[in-house]
């Protein structure tokens, strides 16, 4: 079975996600609220200014982040935060993969973790919870669009939760004076492509 077929094949609901719970620690994942948006905007601003996970070049304003948040939540997409000791450590959300209706069963994920919280399991807890939430809402495929082949932490995180690389677009982005590859990874949600969804 090639990588594309493996990605689309059925996998257990929330593949390993139940083993990712933060039981015994103070890390909790919950739905984001508008009260979290200042911290979310701050986390994203650092990611835009210093990394290649996002190919935006200028951090968006707080009001723009609020507009984006409302559009996603109003559209029925999960938007989550990870909180430790009362402080937001990272966030994750799902969004439509493409706007045309033929793509309606496929979503894209985004995960951002505060610089000080990286390497502590926050991204894993967020992505696992997002997989579970999207499976419960009936989507069948999840795609990750990862900016820059040097983004090893994101590539490993996604692989650890059942994603496989299904495409690589060389030199399709440019940031910090260098060309960047776009890596696409995918995993099935629920029954995946093994059965037709309820329409």
N, C-alpha and C. Protein backbone atom coordinates (compact mmCIF):
# COMPACT_ATOMS: atom_id res chain seq x y z
N UNK A 1 0.86 -1.18 0.00
CA UNK A 1 0.00 0.00 0.00
C UNK A 1 0.90 1.23 0.00
N UNK A 2 0.70 2.14 -0.98
CA UNK A 2 1.54 3.33 -1.03
C UNK A 2 1.10 4.33 0.03
N UNK A 3 1.89 5.40 0.17
CA UNK A 3 1.64 6.37 1.25
C UNK A 3 0.28 7.02 1.13
N UNK A 4 -0.14 7.35 -0.09
CA UNK A 4 -1.43 8.01 -0.27
C UNK A 4 -2.58 7.10 0.15
N UNK A 5 -2.50 5.83 -0.25
CA UNK A 5 -3.55 4.89 0.12
C UNK A 5 -3.57 4.66 1.63
N UNK A 6 -2.38 4.58 2.22
CA UNK A 6 -2.31 4.37 3.67
C UNK A 6 -2.91 5.55 4.42
N UNK A 7 -2.67 6.75 3.93
CA UNK A 7 -3.20 7.94 4.60
C UNK A 7 -4.71 7.98 4.58
N UNK A 8 -5.31 7.52 3.48
CA UNK A 8 -6.76 7.59 3.33
C UNK A 8 -7.49 6.40 3.94
N UNK A 9 -6.75 5.34 4.27
CA UNK A 9 -7.38 4.14 4.82
C UNK A 9 -7.96 4.42 6.20
N UNK A 10 -8.89 3.58 6.58
CA UNK A 10 -9.53 3.75 7.90
C UNK A 10 -8.51 3.55 9.00
N UNK A 11 -8.61 4.35 10.04
CA UNK A 11 -7.79 4.21 11.24
C UNK A 11 -8.74 4.26 12.43
N UNK A 12 -8.34 3.71 13.55
CA UNK A 12 -9.21 3.80 14.73
C UNK A 12 -9.49 5.25 15.07
N UNK A 13 -10.69 5.52 15.59
CA UNK A 13 -11.03 6.88 16.00
C UNK A 13 -9.96 7.40 16.95
N UNK A 14 -9.47 8.61 16.64
CA UNK A 14 -8.49 9.25 17.51
C UNK A 14 -7.26 8.40 17.71
N UNK A 15 -6.69 7.89 16.62
CA UNK A 15 -5.52 7.02 16.66
C UNK A 15 -4.54 7.46 17.73
N UNK A 16 -4.45 6.71 18.80
CA UNK A 16 -3.57 6.92 19.95
C UNK A 16 -3.91 8.17 20.75
N UNK A 17 -4.92 8.90 20.33
CA UNK A 17 -5.22 10.15 21.03
C UNK A 17 -5.60 9.91 22.48
N UNK A 18 -6.31 8.82 22.76
CA UNK A 18 -6.72 8.58 24.15
C UNK A 18 -5.52 8.35 25.05
N UNK A 19 -4.41 7.88 24.48
CA UNK A 19 -3.20 7.69 25.26
C UNK A 19 -2.44 9.01 25.47
N UNK A 20 -2.90 10.07 24.81
CA UNK A 20 -2.21 11.35 24.89
C UNK A 20 -2.78 12.25 25.99
N UNK A 21 -3.78 11.79 26.72
CA UNK A 21 -4.39 12.65 27.73
C UNK A 21 -3.35 13.06 28.76
N UNK A 22 -3.56 14.24 29.31
CA UNK A 22 -2.58 14.80 30.24
C UNK A 22 -2.91 14.43 31.69
N UNK A 23 -3.51 13.24 31.87
CA UNK A 23 -3.85 12.81 33.23
C UNK A 23 -2.59 12.81 34.09
N UNK A 24 -2.71 13.32 35.29
CA UNK A 24 -1.57 13.35 36.19
C UNK A 24 -0.73 14.61 36.05
N UNK A 25 -1.04 15.45 35.09
CA UNK A 25 -0.33 16.72 34.94
C UNK A 25 -1.35 17.84 34.95
N UNK A 26 -0.84 19.06 34.93
CA UNK A 26 -1.75 20.20 34.98
C UNK A 26 -2.12 20.70 33.59
N UNK A 27 -1.71 19.99 32.54
CA UNK A 27 -2.03 20.42 31.18
C UNK A 27 -3.44 19.95 30.83
N UNK A 28 -4.27 20.88 30.36
CA UNK A 28 -5.63 20.55 29.94
C UNK A 28 -5.89 21.18 28.59
N UNK A 29 -6.64 20.48 27.76
CA UNK A 29 -7.04 21.01 26.45
C UNK A 29 -8.54 21.28 26.51
N UNK A 30 -8.93 22.47 26.07
CA UNK A 30 -10.34 22.86 26.11
C UNK A 30 -10.63 23.75 24.89
N UNK A 31 -11.92 23.97 24.60
CA UNK A 31 -12.26 24.90 23.52
C UNK A 31 -11.77 26.31 23.84
N UNK A 32 -11.24 26.98 22.83
CA UNK A 32 -10.79 28.36 23.01
C UNK A 32 -12.00 29.29 23.13
N UNK A 33 -11.79 30.40 23.81
CA UNK A 33 -12.80 31.45 23.92
C UNK A 33 -12.18 32.76 23.48
N UNK A 34 -13.01 33.78 23.32
CA UNK A 34 -12.49 35.09 22.93
C UNK A 34 -11.54 35.64 23.99
N UNK A 35 -11.70 35.23 25.22
CA UNK A 35 -10.80 35.69 26.29
C UNK A 35 -9.37 35.18 26.10
N UNK A 36 -9.20 34.13 25.30
CA UNK A 36 -7.86 33.57 25.04
C UNK A 36 -7.14 34.27 23.89
N UNK A 37 -7.83 35.13 23.16
CA UNK A 37 -7.30 35.59 21.88
C UNK A 37 -6.07 36.47 21.99
N UNK A 38 -5.92 37.23 23.06
CA UNK A 38 -4.70 38.03 23.19
C UNK A 38 -3.47 37.14 23.27
N UNK A 39 -3.56 36.07 24.04
CA UNK A 39 -2.43 35.14 24.15
C UNK A 39 -2.23 34.40 22.84
N UNK A 40 -3.32 33.95 22.22
CA UNK A 40 -3.23 33.27 20.93
C UNK A 40 -2.54 34.17 19.91
N UNK A 41 -2.94 35.43 19.85
CA UNK A 41 -2.33 36.37 18.90
C UNK A 41 -0.85 36.55 19.19
N UNK A 42 -0.48 36.56 20.46
CA UNK A 42 0.92 36.71 20.84
C UNK A 42 1.74 35.49 20.41
N UNK A 43 1.21 34.29 20.64
CA UNK A 43 1.89 33.07 20.22
C UNK A 43 2.09 33.07 18.71
N UNK A 44 1.04 33.43 17.99
CA UNK A 44 1.12 33.42 16.53
C UNK A 44 2.09 34.50 16.02
N UNK A 45 2.10 35.65 16.66
CA UNK A 45 3.00 36.73 16.23
C UNK A 45 4.45 36.27 16.30
N UNK A 46 4.82 35.56 17.35
CA UNK A 46 6.19 35.04 17.47
C UNK A 46 6.46 34.02 16.37
N UNK A 47 5.48 33.15 16.10
CA UNK A 47 5.65 32.14 15.05
C UNK A 47 5.86 32.80 13.69
N UNK A 48 5.09 33.84 13.40
CA UNK A 48 5.22 34.54 12.12
C UNK A 48 6.58 35.23 12.03
N UNK A 49 6.99 35.89 13.11
CA UNK A 49 8.21 36.69 13.09
C UNK A 49 9.49 35.86 13.10
N UNK A 50 9.42 34.64 13.63
CA UNK A 50 10.67 33.89 13.84
C UNK A 50 10.73 32.54 13.14
N UNK A 51 9.61 32.03 12.63
CA UNK A 51 9.60 30.67 12.10
C UNK A 51 9.01 30.56 10.71
N UNK A 52 8.97 29.33 10.22
CA UNK A 52 8.43 29.06 8.88
C UNK A 52 7.17 28.22 8.92
N UNK A 53 6.62 27.98 10.11
CA UNK A 53 5.36 27.23 10.17
C UNK A 53 4.25 27.98 9.45
N UNK A 54 4.27 29.30 9.58
CA UNK A 54 3.34 30.16 8.84
C UNK A 54 4.13 30.94 7.80
N UNK A 55 3.55 31.09 6.62
CA UNK A 55 4.22 31.87 5.59
C UNK A 55 3.68 33.30 5.52
N UNK A 56 2.93 33.71 6.53
CA UNK A 56 2.64 35.14 6.65
C UNK A 56 3.96 35.84 6.98
N UNK A 57 4.11 37.07 6.51
CA UNK A 57 5.35 37.81 6.74
C UNK A 57 5.22 38.85 7.84
N UNK A 58 3.99 39.29 8.10
CA UNK A 58 3.72 40.28 9.13
C UNK A 58 2.65 39.74 10.07
N UNK A 59 2.88 39.75 11.36
CA UNK A 59 1.86 39.24 12.28
C UNK A 59 0.55 40.02 12.14
N UNK A 60 -0.57 39.33 12.08
CA UNK A 60 -1.86 40.03 11.98
C UNK A 60 -2.22 40.73 13.29
N UNK A 61 -3.06 41.71 13.19
CA UNK A 61 -3.51 42.45 14.37
C UNK A 61 -4.40 41.57 15.25
N UNK A 62 -4.60 42.02 16.47
CA UNK A 62 -5.51 41.31 17.36
C UNK A 62 -6.91 41.26 16.80
N UNK A 63 -7.34 42.34 16.16
CA UNK A 63 -8.69 42.36 15.58
C UNK A 63 -8.82 41.37 14.43
N UNK A 64 -7.76 41.25 13.62
CA UNK A 64 -7.77 40.27 12.53
C UNK A 64 -7.82 38.85 13.09
N UNK A 65 -7.07 38.58 14.15
CA UNK A 65 -7.11 37.26 14.77
C UNK A 65 -8.50 36.96 15.32
N UNK A 66 -9.16 37.98 15.86
CA UNK A 66 -10.52 37.81 16.36
C UNK A 66 -11.48 37.48 15.22
N UNK A 67 -11.33 38.15 14.10
CA UNK A 67 -12.17 37.90 12.93
C UNK A 67 -11.98 36.46 12.43
N UNK A 68 -10.74 36.02 12.37
CA UNK A 68 -10.45 34.66 11.92
C UNK A 68 -11.04 33.63 12.89
N UNK A 69 -10.87 33.89 14.18
CA UNK A 69 -11.41 32.99 15.21
C UNK A 69 -12.93 32.85 15.05
N UNK A 70 -13.61 33.97 14.95
CA UNK A 70 -15.07 33.93 14.83
C UNK A 70 -15.51 33.19 13.58
N UNK A 71 -14.82 33.41 12.48
CA UNK A 71 -15.19 32.73 11.23
C UNK A 71 -15.08 31.21 11.37
N UNK A 72 -14.02 30.76 12.02
CA UNK A 72 -13.84 29.31 12.19
C UNK A 72 -14.88 28.74 13.14
N UNK A 73 -15.05 29.36 14.29
CA UNK A 73 -16.00 28.85 15.28
C UNK A 73 -17.43 28.90 14.72
N UNK A 74 -17.78 30.00 14.07
CA UNK A 74 -19.11 30.11 13.48
C UNK A 74 -19.31 29.10 12.36
N UNK A 75 -18.22 28.68 11.72
CA UNK A 75 -18.29 27.68 10.66
C UNK A 75 -18.35 26.25 11.18
N UNK A 76 -18.30 26.07 12.50
CA UNK A 76 -18.42 24.74 13.08
C UNK A 76 -17.11 24.00 13.24
N UNK A 77 -15.98 24.70 13.10
CA UNK A 77 -14.68 24.04 13.22
C UNK A 77 -14.19 24.09 14.67
N UNK A 78 -13.54 23.03 15.14
CA UNK A 78 -12.98 23.05 16.50
C UNK A 78 -11.79 24.00 16.59
N UNK A 79 -11.70 24.72 17.69
CA UNK A 79 -10.59 25.64 17.97
C UNK A 79 -10.26 25.43 19.44
N UNK A 80 -9.06 24.93 19.72
CA UNK A 80 -8.70 24.46 21.06
C UNK A 80 -7.50 25.21 21.62
N UNK A 81 -7.42 25.26 22.93
CA UNK A 81 -6.22 25.76 23.60
C UNK A 81 -5.74 24.72 24.60
N UNK A 82 -4.44 24.71 24.83
CA UNK A 82 -3.84 23.90 25.90
C UNK A 82 -3.46 24.85 27.02
N UNK A 83 -3.89 24.53 28.23
CA UNK A 83 -3.69 25.41 29.38
C UNK A 83 -2.95 24.65 30.46
N UNK A 84 -1.93 25.29 31.01
CA UNK A 84 -1.20 24.72 32.15
C UNK A 84 -1.13 25.78 33.23
N UNK A 85 -1.58 25.43 34.41
CA UNK A 85 -1.56 26.36 35.56
C UNK A 85 -2.20 27.70 35.20
N UNK A 86 -3.30 27.63 34.48
CA UNK A 86 -4.06 28.83 34.14
C UNK A 86 -3.53 29.63 32.97
N UNK A 87 -2.45 29.17 32.35
CA UNK A 87 -1.82 29.92 31.26
C UNK A 87 -1.93 29.16 29.94
N UNK A 88 -2.36 29.84 28.88
CA UNK A 88 -2.45 29.22 27.56
C UNK A 88 -1.04 28.96 27.04
N UNK A 89 -0.78 27.69 26.71
CA UNK A 89 0.54 27.27 26.24
C UNK A 89 0.60 27.07 24.73
N UNK A 90 -0.56 26.94 24.11
CA UNK A 90 -0.61 26.71 22.67
C UNK A 90 -2.05 26.59 22.22
N UNK A 91 -2.23 26.53 20.92
CA UNK A 91 -3.58 26.42 20.38
C UNK A 91 -3.56 25.62 19.08
N UNK A 92 -4.72 25.11 18.72
CA UNK A 92 -4.86 24.34 17.49
C UNK A 92 -6.28 24.51 16.97
N UNK A 93 -6.41 24.45 15.66
CA UNK A 93 -7.75 24.54 15.08
C UNK A 93 -7.80 23.79 13.76
N UNK A 94 -9.00 23.49 13.34
CA UNK A 94 -9.24 22.90 12.03
C UNK A 94 -9.91 23.94 11.15
N UNK A 95 -9.67 23.83 9.87
CA UNK A 95 -10.30 24.73 8.89
C UNK A 95 -10.56 23.94 7.62
N UNK A 96 -11.37 24.49 6.73
CA UNK A 96 -11.64 23.81 5.48
C UNK A 96 -10.37 23.65 4.67
N UNK A 97 -10.20 22.49 4.06
CA UNK A 97 -8.99 22.24 3.26
C UNK A 97 -9.01 23.05 1.97
N UNK A 98 -10.14 23.06 1.30
CA UNK A 98 -10.34 23.86 0.09
C UNK A 98 -11.79 24.32 0.08
N UNK A 99 -12.11 25.46 -0.56
CA UNK A 99 -13.47 25.99 -0.47
C UNK A 99 -14.51 25.26 -1.31
N UNK A 100 -14.12 24.55 -2.36
CA UNK A 100 -15.12 23.91 -3.22
C UNK A 100 -15.77 22.74 -2.51
N UNK A 101 -17.07 22.52 -2.76
CA UNK A 101 -17.83 21.56 -1.95
C UNK A 101 -17.36 20.12 -2.04
N UNK A 102 -16.67 19.76 -3.09
CA UNK A 102 -16.17 18.39 -3.18
C UNK A 102 -15.17 18.04 -2.09
N UNK A 103 -14.57 19.06 -1.47
CA UNK A 103 -13.60 18.84 -0.40
C UNK A 103 -14.23 18.85 1.00
N UNK A 104 -15.54 18.85 1.09
CA UNK A 104 -16.22 19.11 2.37
C UNK A 104 -15.94 18.08 3.46
N UNK A 105 -15.43 16.92 3.12
CA UNK A 105 -15.15 15.91 4.14
C UNK A 105 -13.68 15.92 4.58
N UNK A 106 -12.93 16.89 4.08
CA UNK A 106 -11.50 16.98 4.39
C UNK A 106 -11.20 18.32 5.06
N UNK A 107 -10.39 18.27 6.11
CA UNK A 107 -10.03 19.49 6.83
C UNK A 107 -8.52 19.58 6.94
N UNK A 108 -8.07 20.78 7.26
CA UNK A 108 -6.65 21.06 7.48
C UNK A 108 -6.46 21.44 8.94
N UNK A 109 -5.35 21.01 9.52
CA UNK A 109 -5.07 21.38 10.91
C UNK A 109 -3.97 22.42 11.00
N UNK A 110 -4.03 23.20 12.07
CA UNK A 110 -2.98 24.16 12.42
C UNK A 110 -2.71 24.03 13.91
N UNK A 111 -1.43 23.97 14.28
CA UNK A 111 -1.03 23.83 15.68
C UNK A 111 0.12 24.79 15.95
N UNK A 112 -0.02 25.60 16.99
CA UNK A 112 1.03 26.55 17.39
C UNK A 112 1.24 26.44 18.89
N UNK A 113 2.50 26.39 19.30
CA UNK A 113 2.85 26.25 20.72
C UNK A 113 3.76 27.42 21.10
N UNK A 114 3.52 28.00 22.26
CA UNK A 114 4.37 29.09 22.76
C UNK A 114 5.81 28.61 22.83
N UNK A 115 6.73 29.51 22.51
CA UNK A 115 8.15 29.14 22.45
C UNK A 115 8.62 28.49 23.75
N UNK A 116 8.20 29.02 24.89
CA UNK A 116 8.65 28.50 26.18
C UNK A 116 8.06 27.14 26.51
N UNK A 117 7.02 26.73 25.80
CA UNK A 117 6.34 25.46 26.09
C UNK A 117 6.67 24.36 25.08
N UNK A 118 7.51 24.66 24.11
CA UNK A 118 7.82 23.66 23.09
C UNK A 118 8.64 22.51 23.68
N UNK A 119 8.41 21.31 23.15
CA UNK A 119 9.10 20.12 23.62
C UNK A 119 8.56 19.54 24.92
N UNK A 120 7.37 19.98 25.32
CA UNK A 120 6.78 19.52 26.58
C UNK A 120 5.47 18.76 26.38
N UNK A 121 5.20 18.32 25.15
CA UNK A 121 4.00 17.54 24.88
C UNK A 121 2.75 18.36 24.62
N UNK A 122 2.89 19.68 24.55
CA UNK A 122 1.72 20.53 24.33
C UNK A 122 1.16 20.33 22.92
N UNK A 123 2.03 20.35 21.92
CA UNK A 123 1.57 20.15 20.55
C UNK A 123 0.91 18.80 20.36
N UNK A 124 1.46 17.79 20.96
CA UNK A 124 0.90 16.44 20.86
C UNK A 124 -0.49 16.37 21.49
N UNK A 125 -0.64 16.96 22.67
CA UNK A 125 -1.95 16.96 23.33
C UNK A 125 -2.98 17.72 22.50
N UNK A 126 -2.58 18.84 21.92
CA UNK A 126 -3.49 19.63 21.09
C UNK A 126 -3.90 18.88 19.83
N UNK A 127 -2.92 18.32 19.12
CA UNK A 127 -3.25 17.64 17.87
C UNK A 127 -4.09 16.39 18.12
N UNK A 128 -3.78 15.65 19.18
CA UNK A 128 -4.58 14.46 19.51
C UNK A 128 -6.02 14.84 19.81
N UNK A 129 -6.21 15.91 20.58
CA UNK A 129 -7.56 16.36 20.90
C UNK A 129 -8.28 16.87 19.66
N UNK A 130 -7.55 17.54 18.77
CA UNK A 130 -8.16 18.03 17.53
C UNK A 130 -8.60 16.88 16.64
N UNK A 131 -7.78 15.84 16.56
CA UNK A 131 -8.15 14.65 15.79
C UNK A 131 -9.45 14.06 16.33
N UNK A 132 -9.54 13.92 17.64
CA UNK A 132 -10.75 13.37 18.25
C UNK A 132 -11.97 14.25 17.96
N UNK A 133 -11.81 15.57 18.10
CA UNK A 133 -12.93 16.48 17.88
C UNK A 133 -13.40 16.44 16.44
N UNK A 134 -12.47 16.37 15.51
CA UNK A 134 -12.85 16.35 14.09
C UNK A 134 -13.46 15.01 13.69
N UNK A 135 -12.96 13.94 14.28
CA UNK A 135 -13.56 12.62 14.03
C UNK A 135 -15.00 12.60 14.53
N UNK A 136 -15.22 13.14 15.72
CA UNK A 136 -16.56 13.17 16.29
C UNK A 136 -17.52 14.00 15.46
N UNK A 137 -17.02 14.98 14.75
CA UNK A 137 -17.89 15.84 13.92
C UNK A 137 -18.07 15.30 12.50
N UNK A 138 -17.46 14.16 12.22
CA UNK A 138 -17.76 13.47 10.97
C UNK A 138 -16.83 13.71 9.79
N UNK A 139 -15.77 14.49 9.96
CA UNK A 139 -14.83 14.64 8.85
C UNK A 139 -14.09 13.33 8.65
N UNK A 140 -13.63 13.09 7.43
CA UNK A 140 -13.03 11.82 7.08
C UNK A 140 -11.52 11.86 6.82
N UNK A 141 -10.98 13.02 6.47
CA UNK A 141 -9.54 13.14 6.22
C UNK A 141 -9.03 14.43 6.85
N UNK A 142 -7.82 14.37 7.38
CA UNK A 142 -7.17 15.56 7.92
C UNK A 142 -5.83 15.73 7.21
N UNK A 143 -5.57 16.96 6.77
CA UNK A 143 -4.35 17.29 6.05
C UNK A 143 -3.56 18.29 6.87
N UNK A 144 -2.24 18.11 6.90
CA UNK A 144 -1.32 19.08 7.48
C UNK A 144 -0.48 19.66 6.35
N UNK A 145 -0.42 20.98 6.28
CA UNK A 145 0.41 21.66 5.29
C UNK A 145 1.54 22.30 6.09
N UNK A 146 2.74 21.70 5.99
CA UNK A 146 3.85 22.07 6.85
C UNK A 146 4.86 22.91 6.07
N UNK A 147 5.14 24.09 6.60
CA UNK A 147 6.04 25.02 5.93
C UNK A 147 7.49 24.76 6.26
N UNK A 148 8.27 24.38 5.25
CA UNK A 148 9.70 24.21 5.42
C UNK A 148 10.09 22.82 5.85
N UNK A 149 10.94 22.18 5.07
CA UNK A 149 11.37 20.81 5.40
C UNK A 149 12.22 20.78 6.66
N UNK A 150 12.70 21.96 7.11
CA UNK A 150 13.47 22.00 8.36
C UNK A 150 12.57 21.99 9.59
N UNK A 151 11.26 22.02 9.41
CA UNK A 151 10.32 22.02 10.52
C UNK A 151 10.15 20.58 11.03
N UNK A 152 11.26 20.04 11.53
CA UNK A 152 11.32 18.62 11.90
C UNK A 152 10.36 18.29 13.04
N UNK A 153 10.21 19.19 14.00
CA UNK A 153 9.33 18.91 15.14
C UNK A 153 7.90 18.68 14.67
N UNK A 154 7.43 19.51 13.74
CA UNK A 154 6.07 19.34 13.24
C UNK A 154 5.93 18.06 12.42
N UNK A 155 6.92 17.76 11.60
CA UNK A 155 6.88 16.52 10.81
C UNK A 155 6.83 15.31 11.73
N UNK A 156 7.63 15.30 12.78
CA UNK A 156 7.64 14.16 13.71
C UNK A 156 6.36 14.07 14.51
N UNK A 157 5.85 15.23 14.94
CA UNK A 157 4.59 15.23 15.68
C UNK A 157 3.49 14.60 14.86
N UNK A 158 3.33 15.05 13.62
CA UNK A 158 2.26 14.51 12.78
C UNK A 158 2.46 13.02 12.50
N UNK A 159 3.69 12.62 12.21
CA UNK A 159 3.94 11.19 11.96
C UNK A 159 3.59 10.36 13.19
N UNK A 160 3.85 10.87 14.38
CA UNK A 160 3.58 10.11 15.61
C UNK A 160 2.10 9.90 15.85
N UNK A 161 1.25 10.71 15.20
CA UNK A 161 -0.19 10.58 15.36
C UNK A 161 -0.86 10.07 14.08
N UNK A 162 -0.10 9.33 13.28
CA UNK A 162 -0.69 8.60 12.17
C UNK A 162 -0.68 9.29 10.83
N UNK A 163 -0.08 10.47 10.71
CA UNK A 163 0.00 11.14 9.42
C UNK A 163 1.15 10.57 8.60
N UNK A 164 0.97 10.53 7.29
CA UNK A 164 2.05 10.13 6.38
C UNK A 164 2.24 11.24 5.35
N UNK A 165 3.46 11.38 4.90
CA UNK A 165 3.74 12.39 3.88
C UNK A 165 3.14 11.93 2.55
N UNK A 166 2.35 12.80 1.93
CA UNK A 166 1.71 12.47 0.65
C UNK A 166 2.12 13.41 -0.47
N UNK A 167 2.88 14.45 -0.14
CA UNK A 167 3.32 15.37 -1.18
C UNK A 167 4.36 16.34 -0.67
N UNK A 168 5.22 16.77 -1.57
CA UNK A 168 6.26 17.75 -1.24
C UNK A 168 6.39 18.67 -2.44
N UNK A 169 6.17 19.95 -2.21
CA UNK A 169 6.25 20.96 -3.27
C UNK A 169 7.51 21.78 -3.03
N UNK A 170 8.56 21.52 -3.78
CA UNK A 170 9.82 22.21 -3.54
C UNK A 170 9.77 23.70 -3.87
N UNK A 171 10.40 24.49 -3.04
CA UNK A 171 10.63 25.91 -3.30
C UNK A 171 9.35 26.66 -3.70
N UNK A 172 8.25 26.38 -3.01
CA UNK A 172 6.99 27.06 -3.32
C UNK A 172 6.74 28.27 -2.43
N UNK A 173 7.54 28.44 -1.39
CA UNK A 173 7.40 29.61 -0.52
C UNK A 173 8.74 30.30 -0.35
N UNK A 174 8.69 31.56 0.02
CA UNK A 174 9.92 32.31 0.26
C UNK A 174 9.74 33.19 1.49
N UNK A 175 10.65 33.01 2.44
CA UNK A 175 10.61 33.77 3.69
C UNK A 175 12.03 33.81 4.26
N UNK A 176 12.37 34.88 4.92
CA UNK A 176 13.70 35.05 5.51
C UNK A 176 14.81 34.91 4.46
N UNK A 177 14.51 35.33 3.22
CA UNK A 177 15.52 35.32 2.18
C UNK A 177 15.86 33.96 1.62
N UNK A 178 15.02 32.95 1.86
CA UNK A 178 15.31 31.63 1.31
C UNK A 178 14.03 30.95 0.83
N UNK A 179 14.19 30.01 -0.09
CA UNK A 179 13.08 29.23 -0.61
C UNK A 179 12.70 28.15 0.38
N UNK A 180 11.41 27.86 0.47
CA UNK A 180 10.90 26.86 1.41
C UNK A 180 10.06 25.82 0.68
N UNK A 181 10.22 24.58 1.09
CA UNK A 181 9.36 23.51 0.58
C UNK A 181 8.05 23.50 1.36
N UNK A 182 7.00 23.00 0.73
CA UNK A 182 5.71 22.78 1.38
C UNK A 182 5.49 21.28 1.45
N UNK A 183 5.38 20.76 2.66
CA UNK A 183 5.19 19.31 2.85
C UNK A 183 3.74 19.07 3.25
N UNK A 184 3.11 18.15 2.56
CA UNK A 184 1.73 17.80 2.86
C UNK A 184 1.69 16.41 3.49
N UNK A 185 1.02 16.32 4.65
CA UNK A 185 0.83 15.06 5.34
C UNK A 185 -0.66 14.84 5.53
N UNK A 186 -1.06 13.59 5.65
CA UNK A 186 -2.49 13.27 5.70
C UNK A 186 -2.73 12.05 6.57
N UNK A 187 -3.89 12.02 7.23
CA UNK A 187 -4.35 10.81 7.91
C UNK A 187 -5.86 10.74 7.82
N UNK A 188 -6.36 9.52 7.89
CA UNK A 188 -7.80 9.30 7.88
C UNK A 188 -8.38 9.62 9.25
N UNK A 189 -9.65 10.00 9.25
CA UNK A 189 -10.41 10.19 10.48
C UNK A 189 -11.56 9.18 10.46
N UNK A 190 -11.76 8.48 11.56
CA UNK A 190 -12.85 7.51 11.61
C UNK A 190 -12.70 6.46 10.53
N UNK A 191 -13.75 6.25 9.76
CA UNK A 191 -13.73 5.23 8.70
C UNK A 191 -12.92 5.67 7.49
N UNK A 192 -12.48 6.91 7.45
CA UNK A 192 -11.70 7.36 6.31
C UNK A 192 -12.42 7.13 5.00
N UNK A 193 -11.72 6.53 4.04
CA UNK A 193 -12.28 6.26 2.73
C UNK A 193 -12.91 4.87 2.63
N UNK A 194 -13.02 4.19 3.76
CA UNK A 194 -13.54 2.81 3.74
C UNK A 194 -15.04 2.73 3.51
N UNK A 195 -15.74 3.85 3.73
CA UNK A 195 -17.19 3.86 3.52
C UNK A 195 -17.60 5.27 3.12
N UNK A 196 -18.80 5.36 2.57
CA UNK A 196 -19.33 6.67 2.19
C UNK A 196 -19.86 7.38 3.42
N UNK A 197 -19.62 8.69 3.53
CA UNK A 197 -20.15 9.44 4.68
C UNK A 197 -21.65 9.67 4.54
N UNK A 198 -22.28 9.96 5.66
CA UNK A 198 -23.69 10.39 5.60
C UNK A 198 -23.73 11.77 4.97
N UNK A 199 -24.60 11.95 4.02
CA UNK A 199 -24.68 13.25 3.33
C UNK A 199 -25.99 13.92 3.66
